[in-house]
């Protein structure tokens, strides 16, 4: 599980690792991106990742 913070609902949201996409930003830093539906709202979640988390999540999605 990956823990995000949603500014829209002002609460922490846990998302299964299989639903998380690892993206590389323009500056080369890795980030996690997910989209979930919670209480009828579609939440677009984004989180910067450490190198260890990026490697772990990249391996899980392959």
Protein backbone atom coordinates (compact mmCIF):
# COMPACT_ATOMS: atom_id res chain seq x y z
CA UNK A 1 0.00 0.00 0.00
CA UNK A 2 1.17 3.50 -0.84
CA UNK A 3 0.03 6.33 1.40
CA UNK A 4 -0.88 9.62 -0.31
CA UNK A 5 -2.26 12.83 1.17
CA UNK A 6 -5.22 14.33 -0.65
CA UNK A 7 -5.50 18.10 -0.39
CA UNK A 8 -9.00 17.88 -1.86
CA UNK A 9 -10.45 15.84 1.04
CA UNK A 10 -7.72 16.80 3.57
CA UNK A 11 -7.02 13.22 4.58
CA UNK A 12 -4.58 10.39 3.94
CA UNK A 13 -5.52 7.86 1.26
CA UNK A 14 -3.98 4.41 0.91
CA UNK A 15 -3.78 2.99 -2.60
CA UNK A 16 -2.80 -0.54 -3.60
CA UNK A 17 0.60 -0.73 -5.28
CA UNK A 18 -0.93 -2.31 -8.41
CA UNK A 19 -2.92 0.91 -9.03
CA UNK A 20 0.11 3.22 -8.70
CA UNK A 21 2.03 4.42 -11.75
CA UNK A 22 5.67 5.49 -11.35
CA UNK A 23 6.51 8.49 -13.55
CA UNK A 24 9.74 10.40 -14.14
CA UNK A 25 9.44 14.17 -13.97
CA UNK A 26 11.34 16.57 -16.23
CA UNK A 27 14.09 17.01 -13.63
CA UNK A 28 14.65 13.23 -13.44
CA UNK A 29 13.00 12.70 -10.07
CA UNK A 30 10.60 9.76 -9.65
CA UNK A 31 7.02 10.23 -8.47
CA UNK A 32 3.96 8.06 -7.85
CA UNK A 33 0.70 8.90 -9.56
CA UNK A 34 -2.71 7.37 -8.90
CA UNK A 35 -6.36 8.08 -9.55
CA UNK A 36 -9.02 6.68 -7.21
CA UNK A 37 -12.70 7.22 -6.53
CA UNK A 38 -13.49 7.99 -2.90
CA UNK A 39 -16.98 9.01 -1.69
CA UNK A 40 -18.11 9.71 -5.26
CA UNK A 41 -15.15 12.01 -5.99
CA UNK A 42 -12.32 11.16 -8.36
CA UNK A 43 -9.06 11.97 -6.60
CA UNK A 44 -5.88 12.52 -8.59
CA UNK A 45 -3.02 11.75 -6.22
CA UNK A 46 0.67 12.56 -6.63
CA UNK A 47 3.65 11.85 -4.39
CA UNK A 48 7.41 12.30 -4.71
CA UNK A 49 9.31 9.06 -4.13
CA UNK A 50 12.64 8.19 -2.58
CA UNK A 51 15.00 6.09 -4.68
CA UNK A 52 14.19 2.97 -2.62
CA UNK A 53 10.42 3.43 -2.99
CA UNK A 54 10.75 4.13 -6.73
CA UNK A 55 12.72 0.91 -7.27
CA UNK A 56 10.28 -1.12 -5.16
CA UNK A 57 7.22 0.22 -6.99
CA UNK A 58 8.80 -0.06 -10.42
CA UNK A 59 9.56 -3.72 -9.74
CA UNK A 60 6.01 -4.36 -8.50
CA UNK A 61 4.37 -2.95 -11.64
CA UNK A 62 6.46 -5.01 -14.07
